[in-house]
Amino acid sequence: MSNQKINAKNAPKPVGLYPHARKVGNLLFLSGIGPRTPDTNIVPGLTQSPSGNYKTFDFEAQCHSVFKNIRLVLEDSGAKWEDLVDVTVFLTDMKRDFDTYNRIYAEYFKDALPCRTTVGIDSLPTPIAIELKCIAVLSE
């Protein structure tokens, strides 16, 4: 059985020692992917004061960016959006962000209906409000 680590050239660099994805047989496991931009490494819609407080916060921009990053990793891995079979979503503020996330998710996943779990958590390793962990099944 093949077991291949994948580092997507076009996606934001991982914030730790792990690949973007790992292909095992016909399964593709994506590491947690956030909304940072590939070229600048900034979080869309977020600016912070020197003390770390939010000056601007646009959760919709983070949602669109995280979906774009998932697509980049899938494409660099030889997969497509419709290959996704399971999505785990981590939100740092479920009460504030779930309705917005759910609405935007429906725009991207109206045809590809993977299983989904949404989890509210206290924080993520960088100042992001959303991260996705995905599994895809690759066509033979």
N, C-alpha and C. Protein backbone atom coordinates (compact mmCIF):
# COMPACT_ATOMS: atom_id res chain seq x y z
N MET A 1 0.85 -1.18 0.00
CA MET A 1 0.00 0.00 0.00
C MET A 1 0.89 1.24 0.00
N SER A 2 0.58 2.17 -0.88
CA SER A 2 1.37 3.40 -0.95
C SER A 2 1.11 4.27 0.28
N ASN A 3 2.13 5.03 0.64
CA ASN A 3 2.03 5.94 1.78
C ASN A 3 2.91 7.13 1.45
N GLN A 4 2.29 8.21 0.99
CA GLN A 4 3.03 9.35 0.46
C GLN A 4 2.71 10.63 1.21
N LYS A 5 3.75 11.34 1.66
CA LYS A 5 3.56 12.66 2.27
C LYS A 5 3.51 13.70 1.17
N ILE A 6 2.60 14.67 1.32
CA ILE A 6 2.41 15.69 0.29
C ILE A 6 2.54 17.07 0.92
N ASN A 7 3.42 17.88 0.37
CA ASN A 7 3.54 19.28 0.74
C ASN A 7 3.14 20.11 -0.47
N ALA A 8 1.98 20.73 -0.38
CA ALA A 8 1.42 21.49 -1.49
C ALA A 8 2.22 22.76 -1.72
N LYS A 9 2.65 22.96 -2.94
CA LYS A 9 3.45 24.14 -3.29
C LYS A 9 2.66 25.44 -3.19
N ASN A 10 1.37 25.36 -3.48
CA ASN A 10 0.55 26.57 -3.59
C ASN A 10 -0.19 26.95 -2.31
N ALA A 11 -0.13 26.11 -1.29
CA ALA A 11 -0.88 26.36 -0.04
C ALA A 11 0.02 27.04 0.98
N PRO A 12 -0.58 27.64 2.03
CA PRO A 12 0.24 28.23 3.09
C PRO A 12 1.10 27.15 3.75
N LYS A 13 2.29 27.52 4.16
CA LYS A 13 3.19 26.56 4.80
C LYS A 13 2.61 26.11 6.14
N PRO A 14 2.78 24.84 6.49
CA PRO A 14 2.33 24.36 7.81
C PRO A 14 3.04 25.14 8.92
N VAL A 15 2.37 25.27 10.07
CA VAL A 15 2.96 26.00 11.20
C VAL A 15 3.76 25.08 12.12
N GLY A 16 3.93 23.84 11.72
CA GLY A 16 4.71 22.88 12.50
C GLY A 16 5.30 21.82 11.59
N LEU A 17 5.81 20.77 12.20
CA LEU A 17 6.46 19.69 11.46
C LEU A 17 5.42 18.65 11.06
N TYR A 18 4.76 18.89 9.94
CA TYR A 18 3.77 17.95 9.41
C TYR A 18 3.53 18.29 7.94
N PRO A 19 3.10 17.30 7.15
CA PRO A 19 2.79 17.58 5.75
C PRO A 19 1.39 18.16 5.62
N HIS A 20 1.12 18.76 4.47
CA HIS A 20 -0.24 19.24 4.19
C HIS A 20 -1.21 18.06 4.13
N ALA A 21 -0.73 16.96 3.56
CA ALA A 21 -1.60 15.80 3.37
C ALA A 21 -0.76 14.54 3.33
N ARG A 22 -1.46 13.44 3.47
CA ARG A 22 -0.82 12.13 3.38
C ARG A 22 -1.76 11.20 2.62
N LYS A 23 -1.20 10.61 1.56
CA LYS A 23 -1.97 9.69 0.74
C LYS A 23 -1.63 8.27 1.18
N VAL A 24 -2.65 7.51 1.57
CA VAL A 24 -2.49 6.12 1.98
C VAL A 24 -3.49 5.31 1.17
N GLY A 25 -2.98 4.50 0.23
CA GLY A 25 -3.88 3.79 -0.68
C GLY A 25 -4.67 4.81 -1.48
N ASN A 26 -5.99 4.67 -1.47
CA ASN A 26 -6.82 5.64 -2.21
C ASN A 26 -7.44 6.68 -1.27
N LEU A 27 -6.93 6.77 -0.03
CA LEU A 27 -7.40 7.78 0.91
C LEU A 27 -6.41 8.94 1.00
N LEU A 28 -6.95 10.14 1.13
CA LEU A 28 -6.12 11.33 1.28
C LEU A 28 -6.54 12.00 2.59
N PHE A 29 -5.60 12.11 3.52
CA PHE A 29 -5.84 12.73 4.82
C PHE A 29 -5.17 14.10 4.82
N LEU A 30 -5.96 15.16 5.00
CA LEU A 30 -5.40 16.51 5.07
C LEU A 30 -5.14 16.88 6.52
N SER A 31 -3.99 17.48 6.78
CA SER A 31 -3.73 18.05 8.10
C SER A 31 -4.68 19.22 8.30
N GLY A 32 -4.76 19.74 9.50
CA GLY A 32 -5.59 20.91 9.76
C GLY A 32 -5.16 22.06 8.86
N ILE A 33 -6.10 22.64 8.15
CA ILE A 33 -5.83 23.73 7.21
C ILE A 33 -6.60 24.96 7.69
N GLY A 34 -5.89 26.08 7.80
CA GLY A 34 -6.50 27.33 8.23
C GLY A 34 -6.60 28.32 7.09
N PRO A 35 -6.97 29.56 7.41
CA PRO A 35 -7.21 30.57 6.38
C PRO A 35 -6.02 31.44 5.98
N ARG A 36 -4.82 31.21 6.55
CA ARG A 36 -3.69 32.08 6.20
C ARG A 36 -3.47 32.06 4.68
N THR A 37 -3.07 33.20 4.14
CA THR A 37 -2.85 33.27 2.69
C THR A 37 -1.50 32.65 2.33
N PRO A 38 -1.45 31.96 1.19
CA PRO A 38 -0.20 31.30 0.81
C PRO A 38 0.96 32.25 0.57
N ASP A 39 0.67 33.40 -0.04
CA ASP A 39 1.76 34.30 -0.45
C ASP A 39 2.25 35.22 0.68
N THR A 40 1.35 35.68 1.53
CA THR A 40 1.76 36.63 2.57
C THR A 40 1.73 36.06 3.99
N ASN A 41 1.07 34.90 4.16
CA ASN A 41 0.95 34.25 5.46
C ASN A 41 0.10 35.06 6.45
N ILE A 42 -0.69 36.01 5.94
CA ILE A 42 -1.56 36.78 6.83
C ILE A 42 -2.92 36.09 6.93
N VAL A 43 -3.67 36.44 7.96
CA VAL A 43 -5.02 35.93 8.14
C VAL A 43 -5.98 36.94 7.51
N PRO A 44 -6.70 36.57 6.46
CA PRO A 44 -7.62 37.50 5.81
C PRO A 44 -8.64 38.05 6.81
N GLY A 45 -8.92 39.34 6.69
CA GLY A 45 -9.93 39.95 7.52
C GLY A 45 -9.52 40.19 8.96
N LEU A 46 -8.24 40.01 9.28
CA LEU A 46 -7.80 40.17 10.67
C LEU A 46 -6.62 41.12 10.75
N THR A 47 -6.76 42.14 11.55
CA THR A 47 -5.61 42.95 11.93
C THR A 47 -5.63 43.05 13.44
N GLN A 48 -4.43 43.06 14.01
CA GLN A 48 -4.32 43.10 15.46
C GLN A 48 -3.47 44.29 15.90
N SER A 49 -3.75 44.76 17.09
CA SER A 49 -2.94 45.81 17.69
C SER A 49 -1.65 45.18 18.18
N PRO A 50 -0.62 45.98 18.51
CA PRO A 50 0.63 45.42 19.03
C PRO A 50 0.43 44.54 20.27
N SER A 51 -0.63 44.80 21.04
CA SER A 51 -0.89 43.99 22.23
C SER A 51 -1.63 42.70 21.90
N GLY A 52 -2.03 42.51 20.63
CA GLY A 52 -2.69 41.28 20.22
C GLY A 52 -4.20 41.36 20.17
N ASN A 53 -4.79 42.49 20.50
CA ASN A 53 -6.24 42.65 20.41
C ASN A 53 -6.66 42.83 18.95
N TYR A 54 -7.85 42.35 18.61
CA TYR A 54 -8.35 42.51 17.25
C TYR A 54 -8.70 43.96 16.99
N LYS A 55 -8.17 44.49 15.87
CA LYS A 55 -8.58 45.81 15.40
C LYS A 55 -9.68 45.64 14.36
N THR A 56 -9.52 44.66 13.47
CA THR A 56 -10.56 44.30 12.52
C THR A 56 -10.69 42.78 12.51
N PHE A 57 -11.90 42.30 12.30
CA PHE A 57 -12.16 40.87 12.29
C PHE A 57 -13.28 40.60 11.30
N ASP A 58 -12.99 39.78 10.28
CA ASP A 58 -13.97 39.43 9.26
C ASP A 58 -13.98 37.92 9.12
N PHE A 59 -14.90 37.28 9.82
CA PHE A 59 -14.97 35.82 9.81
C PHE A 59 -15.31 35.27 8.43
N GLU A 60 -16.15 35.97 7.68
CA GLU A 60 -16.49 35.52 6.33
C GLU A 60 -15.23 35.40 5.47
N ALA A 61 -14.34 36.37 5.57
CA ALA A 61 -13.09 36.32 4.80
C ALA A 61 -12.27 35.10 5.18
N GLN A 62 -12.25 34.75 6.46
CA GLN A 62 -11.52 33.56 6.90
C GLN A 62 -12.15 32.29 6.34
N CYS A 63 -13.47 32.23 6.32
CA CYS A 63 -14.16 31.05 5.76
C CYS A 63 -13.81 30.86 4.29
N HIS A 64 -13.94 31.92 3.50
CA HIS A 64 -13.64 31.80 2.06
C HIS A 64 -12.18 31.40 1.85
N SER A 65 -11.29 31.94 2.66
CA SER A 65 -9.86 31.63 2.51
C SER A 65 -9.54 30.19 2.89
N VAL A 66 -10.16 29.68 3.94
CA VAL A 66 -9.88 28.30 4.35
C VAL A 66 -10.38 27.32 3.27
N PHE A 67 -11.52 27.60 2.65
CA PHE A 67 -12.01 26.74 1.59
C PHE A 67 -11.08 26.80 0.37
N LYS A 68 -10.57 27.98 0.07
CA LYS A 68 -9.60 28.11 -1.02
C LYS A 68 -8.35 27.29 -0.72
N ASN A 69 -7.87 27.35 0.52
CA ASN A 69 -6.66 26.60 0.89
C ASN A 69 -6.88 25.09 0.83
N ILE A 70 -8.07 24.63 1.23
CA ILE A 70 -8.39 23.20 1.13
C ILE A 70 -8.33 22.78 -0.34
N ARG A 71 -8.92 23.60 -1.19
CA ARG A 71 -8.92 23.29 -2.63
C ARG A 71 -7.49 23.22 -3.18
N LEU A 72 -6.61 24.14 -2.74
CA LEU A 72 -5.22 24.13 -3.20
C LEU A 72 -4.51 22.85 -2.78
N VAL A 73 -4.71 22.40 -1.55
CA VAL A 73 -4.07 21.17 -1.09
C VAL A 73 -4.64 19.97 -1.85
N LEU A 74 -5.94 19.94 -2.03
CA LEU A 74 -6.54 18.84 -2.79
C LEU A 74 -5.95 18.78 -4.20
N GLU A 75 -5.91 19.91 -4.88
CA GLU A 75 -5.41 19.93 -6.26
C GLU A 75 -3.95 19.51 -6.34
N ASP A 76 -3.12 20.00 -5.41
CA ASP A 76 -1.71 19.61 -5.40
C ASP A 76 -1.53 18.14 -5.04
N SER A 77 -2.57 17.52 -4.49
CA SER A 77 -2.53 16.11 -4.10
C SER A 77 -3.16 15.20 -5.15
N GLY A 78 -3.63 15.79 -6.25
CA GLY A 78 -4.27 15.01 -7.31
C GLY A 78 -5.73 14.70 -7.03
N ALA A 79 -6.35 15.46 -6.13
CA ALA A 79 -7.75 15.25 -5.78
C ALA A 79 -8.58 16.46 -6.19
N LYS A 80 -9.88 16.31 -6.08
CA LYS A 80 -10.78 17.42 -6.37
C LYS A 80 -11.79 17.56 -5.24
N TRP A 81 -12.47 18.68 -5.23
CA TRP A 81 -13.43 19.04 -4.18
C TRP A 81 -14.44 17.91 -3.94
N GLU A 82 -14.93 17.32 -5.01
CA GLU A 82 -15.96 16.28 -4.92
C GLU A 82 -15.44 14.99 -4.30
N ASP A 83 -14.12 14.85 -4.14
CA ASP A 83 -13.53 13.65 -3.53
C ASP A 83 -13.63 13.68 -2.00
N LEU A 84 -13.96 14.84 -1.41
CA LEU A 84 -14.06 14.93 0.05
C LEU A 84 -15.19 14.05 0.56
N VAL A 85 -14.90 13.25 1.60
CA VAL A 85 -15.92 12.40 2.20
C VAL A 85 -16.15 12.73 3.67
N ASP A 86 -15.22 13.45 4.31
CA ASP A 86 -15.37 13.78 5.72
C ASP A 86 -14.66 15.10 6.01
N VAL A 87 -15.36 15.99 6.71
CA VAL A 87 -14.81 17.30 7.07
C VAL A 87 -15.05 17.52 8.56
N THR A 88 -13.98 17.81 9.29
CA THR A 88 -14.09 18.21 10.69
C THR A 88 -13.72 19.68 10.76
N VAL A 89 -14.61 20.46 11.36
CA VAL A 89 -14.45 21.91 11.42
C VAL A 89 -14.20 22.31 12.87
N PHE A 90 -13.20 23.14 13.09
CA PHE A 90 -12.91 23.66 14.42
C PHE A 90 -13.17 25.16 14.40
N LEU A 91 -14.07 25.62 15.27
CA LEU A 91 -14.41 27.04 15.39
C LEU A 91 -14.03 27.51 16.79
N THR A 92 -13.38 28.67 16.88
CA THR A 92 -12.98 29.18 18.19
C THR A 92 -14.11 29.92 18.91
N ASP A 93 -15.17 30.25 18.18
CA ASP A 93 -16.32 30.90 18.82
C ASP A 93 -17.59 30.39 18.15
N MET A 94 -18.09 29.28 18.64
CA MET A 94 -19.25 28.62 18.04
C MET A 94 -20.46 29.53 18.01
N LYS A 95 -20.76 30.21 19.11
CA LYS A 95 -21.95 31.07 19.17
C LYS A 95 -21.88 32.20 18.17
N ARG A 96 -20.75 32.83 18.05
CA ARG A 96 -20.60 33.98 17.15
C ARG A 96 -20.56 33.55 15.69
N ASP A 97 -19.87 32.44 15.38
CA ASP A 97 -19.49 32.15 14.00
C ASP A 97 -20.23 31.01 13.32
N PHE A 98 -20.95 30.17 14.06
CA PHE A 98 -21.53 28.98 13.42
C PHE A 98 -22.50 29.31 12.30
N ASP A 99 -23.44 30.24 12.50
CA ASP A 99 -24.42 30.55 11.46
C ASP A 99 -23.75 31.05 10.19
N THR A 100 -22.76 31.92 10.35
CA THR A 100 -22.03 32.43 9.18
C THR A 100 -21.29 31.29 8.49
N TYR A 101 -20.60 30.47 9.27
CA TYR A 101 -19.88 29.33 8.70
C TYR A 101 -20.84 28.40 7.96
N ASN A 102 -21.94 28.06 8.58
CA ASN A 102 -22.89 27.12 8.01
C ASN A 102 -23.44 27.63 6.67
N ARG A 103 -23.70 28.93 6.59
CA ARG A 103 -24.20 29.54 5.35
C ARG A 103 -23.15 29.47 4.25
N ILE A 104 -21.91 29.82 4.56
CA ILE A 104 -20.84 29.80 3.55
C ILE A 104 -20.49 28.37 3.17
N TYR A 105 -20.47 27.46 4.13
CA TYR A 105 -20.23 26.04 3.86
C TYR A 105 -21.22 25.54 2.80
N ALA A 106 -22.49 25.91 2.95
CA ALA A 106 -23.52 25.46 2.01
C ALA A 106 -23.24 25.94 0.59
N GLU A 107 -22.62 27.10 0.43
CA GLU A 107 -22.27 27.60 -0.90
C GLU A 107 -21.22 26.71 -1.56
N TYR A 108 -20.25 26.25 -0.79
CA TYR A 108 -19.14 25.47 -1.33
C TYR A 108 -19.46 23.98 -1.46
N PHE A 109 -20.35 23.48 -0.63
CA PHE A 109 -20.59 22.04 -0.57
C PHE A 109 -21.98 21.63 -1.03
N LYS A 110 -22.64 22.45 -1.82
CA LYS A 110 -24.01 22.13 -2.22
C LYS A 110 -24.10 20.85 -3.05
N ASP A 111 -23.05 20.49 -3.78
CA ASP A 111 -23.07 19.27 -4.60
C ASP A 111 -22.25 18.14 -3.96
N ALA A 112 -21.11 18.47 -3.41
CA ALA A 112 -20.28 17.46 -2.75
C ALA A 112 -20.70 17.42 -1.29
N LEU A 113 -21.38 16.41 -0.87
CA LEU A 113 -21.92 16.36 0.49
C LEU A 113 -21.13 15.41 1.37
N PRO A 114 -19.95 15.85 1.84
CA PRO A 114 -19.19 14.99 2.75
C PRO A 114 -19.86 14.95 4.13
N CYS A 115 -19.52 13.95 4.92
CA CYS A 115 -19.93 13.95 6.32
C CYS A 115 -19.25 15.15 6.98
N ARG A 116 -19.85 15.67 8.06
CA ARG A 116 -19.27 16.85 8.69
C ARG A 116 -19.48 16.80 10.20
N THR A 117 -18.44 17.23 10.90
CA THR A 117 -18.50 17.43 12.34
C THR A 117 -17.98 18.82 12.61
N THR A 118 -18.69 19.58 13.44
CA THR A 118 -18.26 20.93 13.80
C THR A 118 -18.03 20.96 15.30
N VAL A 119 -16.83 21.41 15.69
CA VAL A 119 -16.43 21.39 17.09
C VAL A 119 -16.04 22.80 17.53
N GLY A 120 -16.54 23.22 18.67
CA GLY A 120 -16.14 24.49 19.26
C GLY A 120 -14.94 24.26 20.16
N ILE A 121 -13.89 25.06 19.98
CA ILE A 121 -12.66 24.92 20.75
C ILE A 121 -12.25 26.27 21.33
N ASP A 122 -11.33 26.25 22.28
CA ASP A 122 -10.88 27.49 22.92
C ASP A 122 -9.95 28.32 22.05
N SER A 123 -9.04 27.67 21.34
CA SER A 123 -8.09 28.42 20.52
C SER A 123 -7.43 27.49 19.52
N LEU A 124 -6.74 28.11 18.57
CA LEU A 124 -5.92 27.41 17.58
C LEU A 124 -4.50 27.96 17.70
N PRO A 125 -3.51 27.27 17.11
CA PRO A 125 -2.11 27.68 17.31
C PRO A 125 -1.73 29.07 16.79
N THR A 126 -2.50 29.60 15.86
CA THR A 126 -2.26 30.96 15.35
C THR A 126 -3.57 31.73 15.53
N PRO A 127 -3.59 33.04 15.33
CA PRO A 127 -4.81 33.82 15.60
C PRO A 127 -5.87 33.66 14.51
N ILE A 128 -6.30 32.43 14.29
CA ILE A 128 -7.35 32.15 13.32
C ILE A 128 -8.59 31.70 14.07
N ALA A 129 -9.75 31.82 13.42
CA ALA A 129 -11.01 31.46 14.06
C ALA A 129 -11.60 30.17 13.52
N ILE A 130 -10.95 29.59 12.48
CA ILE A 130 -11.49 28.38 11.84
C ILE A 130 -10.34 27.54 11.29
N GLU A 131 -10.51 26.22 11.38
CA GLU A 131 -9.57 25.28 10.78
C GLU A 131 -10.36 24.06 10.36
N LEU A 132 -9.99 23.45 9.23
CA LEU A 132 -10.66 22.25 8.74
C LEU A 132 -9.67 21.09 8.65
N LYS A 133 -10.16 19.92 8.98
CA LYS A 133 -9.42 18.66 8.84
C LYS A 133 -10.28 17.80 7.93
N CYS A 134 -9.71 17.32 6.82
CA CYS A 134 -10.52 16.65 5.80
C CYS A 134 -9.95 15.30 5.39
N ILE A 135 -10.84 14.44 4.91
CA ILE A 135 -10.47 13.15 4.31
C ILE A 135 -11.14 13.07 2.95
N ALA A 136 -10.38 12.63 1.97
CA ALA A 136 -10.92 12.45 0.61
C ALA A 136 -10.64 11.02 0.16
N VAL A 137 -11.48 10.53 -0.73
CA VAL A 137 -11.26 9.24 -1.38
C VAL A 137 -10.92 9.54 -2.83
N LEU A 138 -9.75 9.06 -3.26
CA LEU A 138 -9.28 9.34 -4.61
C LEU A 138 -9.84 8.33 -5.60
N SER A 139 -10.15 8.79 -6.78
CA SER A 139 -10.61 7.90 -7.84
C SER A 139 -9.49 6.97 -8.23
N GLU A 140 -9.86 5.79 -8.62
CA GLU A 140 -8.85 4.78 -9.03
C GLU A 140 -8.25 5.18 -10.37
